[in-house]
Amino acid sequence: MELKDDSPALLAIVDAQGRAYATGRRKDAVARVWLKPGSGKVTVNGRDQQVYFARPTLRLVINQPFQVAGREEQYDIVCTVKGGGLSGQAGAVKHGISQALTRFEPVLRAPVKA
């Protein structure tokens, strides 16, 4: 069975401001993520990602979904994250970004999920 272009499975899920929202979870950490087209700025709990996630490995974890999808520096991320340690929080943000990216561009679901 073929999907049509106007199929609900292929429509982006965005709010009134044109943002995709998703929740990411890892261990005890929960991240609420809003994704919108932009220049690649990532804001975590009101701070830049370089300040909040000081370790470069944590920033690599956060940027993995964009690298897999080939969308580096094309989206701005605003997220709030609670609970757990920094590693769990980075994993939760990564999960939230992956979910929001697939809601904004449903065709990316297969590569991001793999």
N, C-alpha and C. Protein backbone atom coordinates (compact mmCIF):
# COMPACT_ATOMS: atom_id res chain seq x y z
N MET A 1 0.83 -1.17 0.00
CA MET A 1 0.00 0.00 0.00
C MET A 1 0.88 1.25 0.00
N GLU A 2 0.58 2.18 -0.88
CA GLU A 2 1.36 3.40 -0.99
C GLU A 2 0.73 4.51 -0.17
N LEU A 3 1.57 5.34 0.43
CA LEU A 3 1.08 6.50 1.17
C LEU A 3 0.95 7.68 0.22
N LYS A 4 -0.14 8.41 0.34
CA LYS A 4 -0.32 9.61 -0.47
C LYS A 4 0.41 10.77 0.20
N ASP A 5 0.64 11.85 -0.55
CA ASP A 5 1.34 13.00 0.01
C ASP A 5 0.56 13.68 1.12
N ASP A 6 -0.77 13.61 1.11
CA ASP A 6 -1.57 14.26 2.14
C ASP A 6 -1.94 13.31 3.28
N SER A 7 -1.27 12.18 3.33
CA SER A 7 -1.51 11.20 4.39
C SER A 7 -1.13 11.79 5.75
N PRO A 8 -1.92 11.54 6.80
CA PRO A 8 -1.59 12.07 8.12
C PRO A 8 -0.23 11.58 8.63
N ALA A 9 0.24 10.44 8.17
CA ALA A 9 1.52 9.91 8.62
C ALA A 9 2.69 10.76 8.13
N LEU A 10 2.49 11.55 7.07
CA LEU A 10 3.58 12.34 6.50
C LEU A 10 3.42 13.84 6.74
N LEU A 11 2.48 14.24 7.58
CA LEU A 11 2.28 15.65 7.85
C LEU A 11 3.06 16.06 9.09
N ALA A 12 3.68 17.23 9.02
CA ALA A 12 4.43 17.74 10.17
C ALA A 12 3.48 18.13 11.29
N ILE A 13 3.89 17.89 12.52
CA ILE A 13 3.10 18.27 13.69
C ILE A 13 3.79 19.46 14.34
N VAL A 14 3.25 20.67 14.11
CA VAL A 14 3.85 21.89 14.63
C VAL A 14 2.79 22.72 15.34
N ASP A 15 3.25 23.61 16.25
CA ASP A 15 2.32 24.47 16.97
C ASP A 15 2.12 25.79 16.21
N ALA A 16 1.44 26.73 16.84
CA ALA A 16 1.11 28.00 16.19
C ALA A 16 2.36 28.82 15.84
N GLN A 17 3.46 28.63 16.58
CA GLN A 17 4.70 29.35 16.29
C GLN A 17 5.59 28.61 15.28
N GLY A 18 5.13 27.50 14.75
CA GLY A 18 5.90 26.73 13.78
C GLY A 18 6.96 25.86 14.41
N ARG A 19 6.78 25.50 15.68
CA ARG A 19 7.76 24.66 16.38
C ARG A 19 7.21 23.25 16.55
N ALA A 20 8.12 22.29 16.54
CA ALA A 20 7.76 20.91 16.86
C ALA A 20 8.15 20.67 18.31
N TYR A 21 7.28 19.98 19.06
CA TYR A 21 7.53 19.71 20.48
C TYR A 21 7.65 18.21 20.71
N ALA A 22 8.54 17.84 21.61
CA ALA A 22 8.66 16.42 21.98
C ALA A 22 9.25 16.33 23.39
N THR A 23 9.01 15.19 24.02
CA THR A 23 9.57 14.91 25.33
C THR A 23 10.56 13.77 25.19
N GLY A 24 11.74 13.94 25.76
CA GLY A 24 12.75 12.90 25.74
C GLY A 24 13.04 12.42 27.15
N ARG A 25 13.27 11.12 27.29
CA ARG A 25 13.56 10.55 28.61
C ARG A 25 14.78 9.65 28.54
N ARG A 26 15.57 9.70 29.62
CA ARG A 26 16.72 8.81 29.76
C ARG A 26 17.01 8.70 31.25
N LYS A 27 17.02 7.47 31.76
CA LYS A 27 17.21 7.24 33.19
C LYS A 27 16.18 8.06 33.97
N ASP A 28 16.63 8.93 34.88
CA ASP A 28 15.69 9.75 35.65
C ASP A 28 15.50 11.14 35.06
N ALA A 29 16.13 11.43 33.94
CA ALA A 29 16.07 12.76 33.34
C ALA A 29 14.91 12.84 32.34
N VAL A 30 14.25 14.00 32.34
CA VAL A 30 13.16 14.27 31.40
C VAL A 30 13.43 15.61 30.75
N ALA A 31 13.39 15.64 29.42
CA ALA A 31 13.65 16.87 28.67
C ALA A 31 12.44 17.23 27.82
N ARG A 32 12.05 18.50 27.88
CA ARG A 32 11.01 19.02 27.00
C ARG A 32 11.72 19.84 25.93
N VAL A 33 11.47 19.49 24.66
CA VAL A 33 12.26 20.05 23.56
C VAL A 33 11.34 20.71 22.53
N TRP A 34 11.69 21.95 22.15
CA TRP A 34 11.01 22.65 21.07
C TRP A 34 12.02 22.88 19.96
N LEU A 35 11.65 22.52 18.74
CA LEU A 35 12.55 22.61 17.58
C LEU A 35 11.91 23.52 16.55
N LYS A 36 12.70 24.46 15.99
CA LYS A 36 12.21 25.33 14.92
C LYS A 36 13.36 25.62 13.97
N PRO A 37 13.05 25.94 12.72
CA PRO A 37 14.12 26.27 11.77
C PRO A 37 14.93 27.46 12.28
N GLY A 38 16.24 27.38 12.09
CA GLY A 38 17.11 28.46 12.56
C GLY A 38 18.56 28.22 12.18
N SER A 39 19.45 28.70 13.06
CA SER A 39 20.88 28.69 12.75
C SER A 39 21.66 27.62 13.52
N GLY A 40 20.99 26.78 14.28
CA GLY A 40 21.69 25.72 15.01
C GLY A 40 21.96 26.04 16.47
N LYS A 41 21.31 27.05 17.01
CA LYS A 41 21.51 27.43 18.41
C LYS A 41 20.75 26.46 19.32
N VAL A 42 21.43 25.96 20.35
CA VAL A 42 20.81 25.05 21.32
C VAL A 42 20.84 25.72 22.68
N THR A 43 19.64 25.91 23.26
CA THR A 43 19.51 26.53 24.57
C THR A 43 18.94 25.51 25.54
N VAL A 44 19.64 25.26 26.65
CA VAL A 44 19.22 24.29 27.65
C VAL A 44 19.00 25.03 28.97
N ASN A 45 17.77 24.97 29.48
CA ASN A 45 17.42 25.64 30.74
C ASN A 45 17.84 27.11 30.74
N GLY A 46 17.65 27.79 29.62
CA GLY A 46 17.96 29.20 29.51
C GLY A 46 19.43 29.52 29.28
N ARG A 47 20.28 28.51 29.18
CA ARG A 47 21.71 28.72 28.95
C ARG A 47 22.14 28.07 27.64
N ASP A 48 23.22 28.58 27.08
CA ASP A 48 23.76 28.00 25.85
C ASP A 48 24.28 26.59 26.15
N GLN A 49 24.28 25.72 25.13
CA GLN A 49 24.71 24.34 25.36
C GLN A 49 26.17 24.25 25.81
N GLN A 50 27.04 25.19 25.38
CA GLN A 50 28.44 25.16 25.80
C GLN A 50 28.57 25.41 27.30
N VAL A 51 27.65 26.19 27.86
CA VAL A 51 27.69 26.49 29.29
C VAL A 51 27.07 25.36 30.09
N TYR A 52 25.90 24.89 29.66
CA TYR A 52 25.19 23.86 30.43
C TYR A 52 25.89 22.51 30.36
N PHE A 53 26.23 22.09 29.13
CA PHE A 53 26.96 20.84 28.94
C PHE A 53 28.41 21.19 28.60
N ALA A 54 29.22 21.37 29.64
CA ALA A 54 30.59 21.85 29.44
C ALA A 54 31.48 20.80 28.77
N ARG A 55 31.19 19.51 29.01
CA ARG A 55 32.03 18.46 28.42
C ARG A 55 31.70 18.29 26.93
N PRO A 56 32.70 18.26 26.07
CA PRO A 56 32.46 18.12 24.62
C PRO A 56 31.73 16.83 24.26
N THR A 57 31.95 15.75 25.02
CA THR A 57 31.28 14.48 24.70
C THR A 57 29.77 14.61 24.87
N LEU A 58 29.32 15.40 25.85
CA LEU A 58 27.88 15.59 26.04
C LEU A 58 27.28 16.39 24.89
N ARG A 59 28.04 17.36 24.38
CA ARG A 59 27.55 18.14 23.23
C ARG A 59 27.50 17.27 21.97
N LEU A 60 28.44 16.34 21.85
CA LEU A 60 28.40 15.40 20.72
C LEU A 60 27.15 14.54 20.78
N VAL A 61 26.79 14.09 21.97
CA VAL A 61 25.59 13.27 22.14
C VAL A 61 24.36 14.05 21.68
N ILE A 62 24.27 15.30 22.07
CA ILE A 62 23.11 16.13 21.72
C ILE A 62 23.00 16.34 20.21
N ASN A 63 24.13 16.47 19.54
CA ASN A 63 24.11 16.77 18.10
C ASN A 63 24.01 15.54 17.21
N GLN A 64 24.03 14.33 17.77
CA GLN A 64 23.96 13.12 16.96
C GLN A 64 22.74 13.05 16.04
N PRO A 65 21.52 13.37 16.51
CA PRO A 65 20.37 13.27 15.60
C PRO A 65 20.50 14.15 14.35
N PHE A 66 21.10 15.33 14.52
CA PHE A 66 21.29 16.23 13.37
C PHE A 66 22.32 15.67 12.40
N GLN A 67 23.38 15.07 12.91
CA GLN A 67 24.41 14.50 12.05
C GLN A 67 23.87 13.33 11.25
N VAL A 68 23.08 12.48 11.91
CA VAL A 68 22.50 11.32 11.23
C VAL A 68 21.54 11.76 10.13
N ALA A 69 20.76 12.80 10.41
CA ALA A 69 19.77 13.28 9.45
C ALA A 69 20.37 14.23 8.41
N GLY A 70 21.61 14.66 8.61
CA GLY A 70 22.22 15.61 7.68
C GLY A 70 21.61 17.00 7.79
N ARG A 71 21.25 17.41 9.00
CA ARG A 71 20.59 18.70 9.23
C ARG A 71 21.36 19.56 10.23
N GLU A 72 22.69 19.50 10.21
CA GLU A 72 23.49 20.30 11.13
C GLU A 72 23.23 21.78 10.91
N GLU A 73 23.10 22.53 12.00
CA GLU A 73 22.94 23.98 12.00
C GLU A 73 21.76 24.46 11.15
N GLN A 74 20.69 23.68 11.11
CA GLN A 74 19.49 24.09 10.38
C GLN A 74 18.31 24.36 11.32
N TYR A 75 18.42 23.93 12.58
CA TYR A 75 17.32 24.08 13.53
C TYR A 75 17.82 24.67 14.84
N ASP A 76 16.98 25.52 15.44
CA ASP A 76 17.24 26.01 16.79
C ASP A 76 16.49 25.14 17.77
N ILE A 77 17.11 24.89 18.91
CA ILE A 77 16.51 24.05 19.95
C ILE A 77 16.40 24.86 21.22
N VAL A 78 15.22 24.81 21.84
CA VAL A 78 15.04 25.35 23.18
C VAL A 78 14.51 24.19 24.00
N CYS A 79 15.19 23.88 25.11
CA CYS A 79 14.73 22.76 25.93
C CYS A 79 14.90 23.04 27.41
N THR A 80 14.06 22.37 28.17
CA THR A 80 14.20 22.36 29.62
C THR A 80 14.39 20.92 30.02
N VAL A 81 15.28 20.70 30.97
CA VAL A 81 15.59 19.33 31.38
C VAL A 81 15.68 19.28 32.90
N LYS A 82 15.13 18.20 33.49
CA LYS A 82 15.12 18.03 34.94
C LYS A 82 15.51 16.61 35.28
N GLY A 83 16.05 16.44 36.47
CA GLY A 83 16.32 15.11 37.00
C GLY A 83 17.59 14.49 36.47
N GLY A 84 18.10 13.51 37.21
CA GLY A 84 19.26 12.75 36.78
C GLY A 84 20.54 13.57 36.79
N GLY A 85 21.59 12.98 36.25
CA GLY A 85 22.87 13.66 36.12
C GLY A 85 23.03 14.25 34.74
N LEU A 86 24.16 14.85 34.49
CA LEU A 86 24.39 15.50 33.20
C LEU A 86 24.36 14.52 32.04
N SER A 87 24.90 13.32 32.22
CA SER A 87 24.91 12.33 31.15
C SER A 87 23.49 11.89 30.80
N GLY A 88 22.68 11.63 31.81
CA GLY A 88 21.29 11.26 31.57
C GLY A 88 20.51 12.40 30.95
N GLN A 89 20.81 13.63 31.37
CA GLN A 89 20.13 14.78 30.80
C GLN A 89 20.49 14.96 29.34
N ALA A 90 21.75 14.75 28.99
CA ALA A 90 22.17 14.85 27.59
C ALA A 90 21.46 13.78 26.76
N GLY A 91 21.34 12.58 27.29
CA GLY A 91 20.62 11.52 26.58
C GLY A 91 19.15 11.84 26.41
N ALA A 92 18.54 12.46 27.43
CA ALA A 92 17.13 12.85 27.34
C ALA A 92 16.93 13.94 26.30
N VAL A 93 17.86 14.90 26.25
CA VAL A 93 17.78 15.96 25.24
C VAL A 93 17.93 15.37 23.84
N LYS A 94 18.86 14.43 23.69
CA LYS A 94 19.06 13.75 22.41
C LYS A 94 17.78 13.05 21.97
N HIS A 95 17.15 12.33 22.89
CA HIS A 95 15.91 11.62 22.58
C HIS A 95 14.81 12.61 22.20
N GLY A 96 14.71 13.72 22.93
CA GLY A 96 13.71 14.73 22.61
C GLY A 96 13.95 15.37 21.25
N ILE A 97 15.21 15.64 20.92
CA ILE A 97 15.54 16.21 19.62
C ILE A 97 15.17 15.24 18.50
N SER A 98 15.47 13.97 18.70
CA SER A 98 15.13 12.95 17.70
C SER A 98 13.62 12.91 17.46
N GLN A 99 12.85 12.93 18.55
CA GLN A 99 11.40 12.88 18.43
C GLN A 99 10.86 14.14 17.74
N ALA A 100 11.36 15.32 18.15
CA ALA A 100 10.90 16.58 17.56
C ALA A 100 11.28 16.67 16.09
N LEU A 101 12.46 16.17 15.75
CA LEU A 101 12.91 16.20 14.35
C LEU A 101 12.00 15.35 13.47
N THR A 102 11.61 14.19 13.97
CA THR A 102 10.71 13.34 13.18
C THR A 102 9.30 13.91 13.11
N ARG A 103 8.91 14.71 14.09
CA ARG A 103 7.60 15.37 14.02
C ARG A 103 7.64 16.53 13.04
N PHE A 104 8.78 17.22 12.95
CA PHE A 104 8.90 18.34 12.03
C PHE A 104 9.09 17.87 10.59
N GLU A 105 9.89 16.83 10.41
CA GLU A 105 10.13 16.23 9.09
C GLU A 105 9.89 14.73 9.18
N PRO A 106 8.66 14.28 8.96
CA PRO A 106 8.35 12.85 9.11
C PRO A 106 9.16 11.93 8.22
N VAL A 107 9.68 12.41 7.09
CA VAL A 107 10.48 11.55 6.21
C VAL A 107 11.81 11.14 6.85
N LEU A 108 12.22 11.86 7.92
CA LEU A 108 13.49 11.53 8.58
C LEU A 108 13.35 10.44 9.63
N ARG A 109 12.15 9.90 9.82
CA ARG A 109 11.93 8.93 10.89
C ARG A 109 12.82 7.70 10.75
N ALA A 110 12.91 7.14 9.56
CA ALA A 110 13.70 5.92 9.37
C ALA A 110 15.18 6.12 9.65
N PRO A 111 15.84 7.16 9.08
CA PRO A 111 17.27 7.30 9.38
C PRO A 111 17.54 7.66 10.84
N VAL A 112 16.70 8.48 11.44
CA VAL A 112 16.94 8.87 12.84
C VAL A 112 16.69 7.70 13.76
N LYS A 113 15.68 6.91 13.49
CA LYS A 113 15.37 5.76 14.33
C LYS A 113 16.47 4.70 14.24
N ALA A 114 17.02 4.51 13.06
CA ALA A 114 18.08 3.51 12.89
C ALA A 114 19.32 3.93 13.65
